[in-house]
Amino acid sequence: MRIDKFLNAVNITKRRAIAEDMLKEKIVFVNNLSVKKAKEVKVGDVIKLQYLEYADEFKVLQIPTTKSTPKSKQNDYVQKLGE
């Protein structure tokens, strides 16, 4: 699944357009590499969102098969690192 679709499907971003903007501004890193929206996400990848003041890191546990998932199921797909 593409990174822009993944961020939206697992509720890391509210809309895919927001994910695309973040990718364009080079806020999103996969395995410490800045990526474009066509980057395919795999199980085990570490996604980092580098904001001005802080960063969020997520480890991909599984790839969703649907376009969206309930927010309550987010922990099935990603594990937030650093907490």
N, C-alpha and C. Protein backbone atom coordinates (compact mmCIF):
# COMPACT_ATOMS: atom_id res chain seq x y z
N MET A 1 0.85 -1.17 0.00
CA MET A 1 0.00 0.00 0.00
C MET A 1 0.89 1.24 0.00
N ARG A 2 0.50 2.23 -0.78
CA ARG A 2 1.26 3.48 -0.85
C ARG A 2 1.24 4.21 0.49
N ILE A 3 2.31 4.94 0.78
CA ILE A 3 2.44 5.63 2.07
C ILE A 3 1.32 6.64 2.29
N ASP A 4 0.91 7.38 1.26
CA ASP A 4 -0.15 8.37 1.45
C ASP A 4 -1.47 7.69 1.81
N LYS A 5 -1.78 6.58 1.17
CA LYS A 5 -3.00 5.84 1.48
C LYS A 5 -2.91 5.18 2.86
N PHE A 6 -1.73 4.68 3.20
CA PHE A 6 -1.54 4.01 4.49
C PHE A 6 -1.76 4.98 5.65
N LEU A 7 -1.16 6.18 5.57
CA LEU A 7 -1.29 7.16 6.64
C LEU A 7 -2.76 7.50 6.88
N ASN A 8 -3.54 7.58 5.82
CA ASN A 8 -4.96 7.88 5.95
C ASN A 8 -5.75 6.66 6.43
N ALA A 9 -5.43 5.49 5.90
CA ALA A 9 -6.19 4.27 6.24
C ALA A 9 -6.08 3.90 7.71
N VAL A 10 -4.93 4.15 8.33
CA VAL A 10 -4.75 3.77 9.73
C VAL A 10 -4.91 4.96 10.68
N ASN A 11 -5.49 6.03 10.15
CA ASN A 11 -5.86 7.20 10.96
C ASN A 11 -4.69 7.97 11.56
N ILE A 12 -3.56 7.96 10.90
CA ILE A 12 -2.45 8.82 11.34
C ILE A 12 -2.72 10.24 10.85
N THR A 13 -3.29 10.37 9.66
CA THR A 13 -3.75 11.67 9.16
C THR A 13 -5.26 11.58 8.93
N LYS A 14 -5.93 12.72 9.01
CA LYS A 14 -7.39 12.72 8.86
C LYS A 14 -7.83 12.55 7.42
N ARG A 15 -7.06 13.13 6.49
CA ARG A 15 -7.40 13.02 5.07
C ARG A 15 -6.15 12.71 4.27
N ARG A 16 -6.36 12.07 3.11
CA ARG A 16 -5.23 11.72 2.26
C ARG A 16 -4.53 12.98 1.74
N ALA A 17 -5.29 14.04 1.51
CA ALA A 17 -4.69 15.29 1.03
C ALA A 17 -3.69 15.84 2.04
N ILE A 18 -3.98 15.67 3.33
CA ILE A 18 -3.04 16.11 4.37
C ILE A 18 -1.76 15.26 4.29
N ALA A 19 -1.93 13.96 4.12
CA ALA A 19 -0.77 13.07 3.98
C ALA A 19 0.08 13.47 2.78
N GLU A 20 -0.57 13.79 1.67
CA GLU A 20 0.16 14.20 0.46
C GLU A 20 0.93 15.50 0.70
N ASP A 21 0.31 16.45 1.40
CA ASP A 21 1.00 17.71 1.72
C ASP A 21 2.21 17.45 2.61
N MET A 22 2.06 16.58 3.60
CA MET A 22 3.17 16.25 4.49
C MET A 22 4.32 15.61 3.72
N LEU A 23 4.00 14.75 2.77
CA LEU A 23 5.02 14.11 1.96
C LEU A 23 5.73 15.13 1.07
N LYS A 24 4.96 16.06 0.53
CA LYS A 24 5.52 17.10 -0.33
C LYS A 24 6.48 18.00 0.44
N GLU A 25 6.16 18.26 1.71
CA GLU A 25 6.99 19.12 2.56
C GLU A 25 8.13 18.36 3.25
N LYS A 26 8.28 17.09 2.94
CA LYS A 26 9.36 16.23 3.47
C LYS A 26 9.31 16.12 4.99
N ILE A 27 8.10 15.90 5.51
CA ILE A 27 7.89 15.68 6.93
C ILE A 27 7.89 14.19 7.24
N VAL A 28 7.60 13.36 6.21
CA VAL A 28 7.43 11.92 6.41
C VAL A 28 8.70 11.18 5.98
N PHE A 29 9.16 10.30 6.87
CA PHE A 29 10.34 9.47 6.59
C PHE A 29 9.96 8.01 6.81
N VAL A 30 10.46 7.13 5.95
CA VAL A 30 10.29 5.69 6.14
C VAL A 30 11.69 5.12 6.26
N ASN A 31 11.95 4.47 7.39
CA ASN A 31 13.27 3.92 7.68
C ASN A 31 14.37 4.99 7.52
N ASN A 32 14.09 6.19 8.05
CA ASN A 32 15.01 7.34 8.06
C ASN A 32 15.31 7.92 6.68
N LEU A 33 14.47 7.62 5.68
CA LEU A 33 14.64 8.20 4.35
C LEU A 33 13.40 9.00 4.00
N SER A 34 13.58 10.22 3.52
CA SER A 34 12.46 11.03 3.05
C SER A 34 11.86 10.34 1.83
N VAL A 35 10.53 10.25 1.78
CA VAL A 35 9.89 9.48 0.71
C VAL A 35 8.86 10.32 -0.03
N LYS A 36 8.49 9.82 -1.22
CA LYS A 36 7.42 10.41 -2.01
C LYS A 36 6.16 9.60 -1.79
N LYS A 37 5.02 10.12 -2.27
CA LYS A 37 3.73 9.48 -1.98
C LYS A 37 3.56 8.10 -2.61
N ALA A 38 4.34 7.76 -3.59
CA ALA A 38 4.22 6.45 -4.24
C ALA A 38 4.99 5.35 -3.50
N LYS A 39 5.72 5.69 -2.45
CA LYS A 39 6.50 4.70 -1.69
C LYS A 39 5.58 3.62 -1.13
N GLU A 40 5.92 2.37 -1.37
CA GLU A 40 5.16 1.24 -0.84
C GLU A 40 5.60 0.95 0.59
N VAL A 41 4.63 0.80 1.48
CA VAL A 41 4.90 0.51 2.88
C VAL A 41 4.85 -1.01 3.08
N LYS A 42 5.80 -1.53 3.86
CA LYS A 42 5.85 -2.97 4.15
C LYS A 42 5.81 -3.18 5.66
N VAL A 43 5.41 -4.37 6.07
CA VAL A 43 5.41 -4.72 7.49
C VAL A 43 6.84 -4.62 8.00
N GLY A 44 7.00 -3.97 9.15
CA GLY A 44 8.32 -3.80 9.74
C GLY A 44 8.93 -2.43 9.49
N ASP A 45 8.40 -1.69 8.52
CA ASP A 45 8.90 -0.34 8.26
C ASP A 45 8.64 0.57 9.46
N VAL A 46 9.51 1.56 9.66
CA VAL A 46 9.30 2.56 10.70
C VAL A 46 9.01 3.89 10.01
N ILE A 47 7.83 4.44 10.30
CA ILE A 47 7.41 5.71 9.72
C ILE A 47 7.63 6.79 10.76
N LYS A 48 8.30 7.86 10.34
CA LYS A 48 8.59 8.98 11.25
C LYS A 48 7.96 10.24 10.67
N LEU A 49 7.21 10.95 11.50
CA LEU A 49 6.64 12.25 11.13
C LEU A 49 7.41 13.29 11.91
N GLN A 50 8.23 14.08 11.21
CA GLN A 50 9.10 15.06 11.86
C GLN A 50 8.45 16.43 11.83
N TYR A 51 7.85 16.83 12.96
CA TYR A 51 7.25 18.15 13.08
C TYR A 51 8.31 19.13 13.55
N LEU A 52 7.95 20.40 13.67
CA LEU A 52 8.93 21.42 14.10
C LEU A 52 9.42 21.16 15.51
N GLU A 53 8.53 20.86 16.43
CA GLU A 53 8.86 20.74 17.84
C GLU A 53 9.14 19.30 18.31
N TYR A 54 8.60 18.33 17.59
CA TYR A 54 8.72 16.94 18.04
C TYR A 54 8.56 15.99 16.85
N ALA A 55 8.71 14.70 17.11
CA ALA A 55 8.54 13.69 16.06
C ALA A 55 7.69 12.55 16.60
N ASP A 56 6.89 11.96 15.73
CA ASP A 56 6.13 10.75 16.05
C ASP A 56 6.69 9.63 15.20
N GLU A 57 6.86 8.45 15.81
CA GLU A 57 7.35 7.28 15.08
C GLU A 57 6.36 6.14 15.25
N PHE A 58 6.13 5.43 14.15
CA PHE A 58 5.21 4.31 14.13
C PHE A 58 5.87 3.14 13.43
N LYS A 59 5.72 1.95 14.00
CA LYS A 59 6.20 0.73 13.35
C LYS A 59 5.00 0.05 12.71
N VAL A 60 5.13 -0.33 11.43
CA VAL A 60 4.05 -0.96 10.70
C VAL A 60 3.95 -2.42 11.13
N LEU A 61 2.78 -2.81 11.66
CA LEU A 61 2.55 -4.18 12.10
C LEU A 61 1.84 -5.02 11.04
N GLN A 62 0.92 -4.40 10.32
CA GLN A 62 0.25 -5.07 9.21
C GLN A 62 -0.33 -4.02 8.27
N ILE A 63 -0.62 -4.45 7.05
CA ILE A 63 -1.16 -3.55 6.03
C ILE A 63 -2.68 -3.76 5.97
N PRO A 64 -3.46 -2.68 6.08
CA PRO A 64 -4.92 -2.85 6.01
C PRO A 64 -5.36 -3.25 4.61
N THR A 65 -6.44 -4.02 4.55
CA THR A 65 -6.98 -4.45 3.25
C THR A 65 -8.11 -3.55 2.80
N THR A 66 -8.57 -2.67 3.69
CA THR A 66 -9.65 -1.76 3.35
C THR A 66 -9.13 -0.33 3.26
N LYS A 67 -9.94 0.53 2.67
CA LYS A 67 -9.56 1.92 2.46
C LYS A 67 -9.47 2.70 3.77
N SER A 68 -10.28 2.31 4.75
CA SER A 68 -10.22 2.97 6.05
C SER A 68 -10.47 1.95 7.15
N THR A 69 -9.96 2.26 8.32
CA THR A 69 -10.13 1.39 9.48
C THR A 69 -10.63 2.23 10.65
N PRO A 70 -11.35 1.62 11.58
CA PRO A 70 -11.79 2.38 12.75
C PRO A 70 -10.59 2.82 13.58
N LYS A 71 -10.68 4.02 14.17
CA LYS A 71 -9.58 4.54 14.99
C LYS A 71 -9.26 3.59 16.15
N SER A 72 -10.27 2.88 16.63
CA SER A 72 -10.06 1.94 17.74
C SER A 72 -9.19 0.75 17.34
N LYS A 73 -9.05 0.50 16.04
CA LYS A 73 -8.24 -0.62 15.55
C LYS A 73 -6.85 -0.18 15.10
N GLN A 74 -6.48 1.10 15.34
CA GLN A 74 -5.19 1.61 14.88
C GLN A 74 -4.02 0.78 15.42
N ASN A 75 -4.12 0.31 16.66
CA ASN A 75 -3.02 -0.46 17.26
C ASN A 75 -2.83 -1.82 16.61
N ASP A 76 -3.77 -2.29 15.81
CA ASP A 76 -3.61 -3.53 15.07
C ASP A 76 -2.66 -3.34 13.90
N TYR A 77 -2.55 -2.10 13.41
CA TYR A 77 -1.79 -1.82 12.20
C TYR A 77 -0.46 -1.12 12.45
N VAL A 78 -0.40 -0.27 13.46
CA VAL A 78 0.84 0.43 13.79
C VAL A 78 1.07 0.44 15.29
N GLN A 79 2.34 0.44 15.65
CA GLN A 79 2.72 0.56 17.06
C GLN A 79 3.46 1.88 17.20
N LYS A 80 2.96 2.75 18.08
CA LYS A 80 3.62 4.04 18.29
C LYS A 80 4.87 3.80 19.12
N LEU A 81 6.00 4.26 18.60
CA LEU A 81 7.28 4.06 19.29
C LEU A 81 7.58 5.26 20.17
N GLY A 82 8.35 5.04 21.21
CA GLY A 82 8.79 6.11 22.08
C GLY A 82 7.84 6.45 23.20
N GLU A 83 6.85 5.62 23.44
CA GLU A 83 5.93 5.89 24.55
C GLU A 83 6.13 4.88 25.64
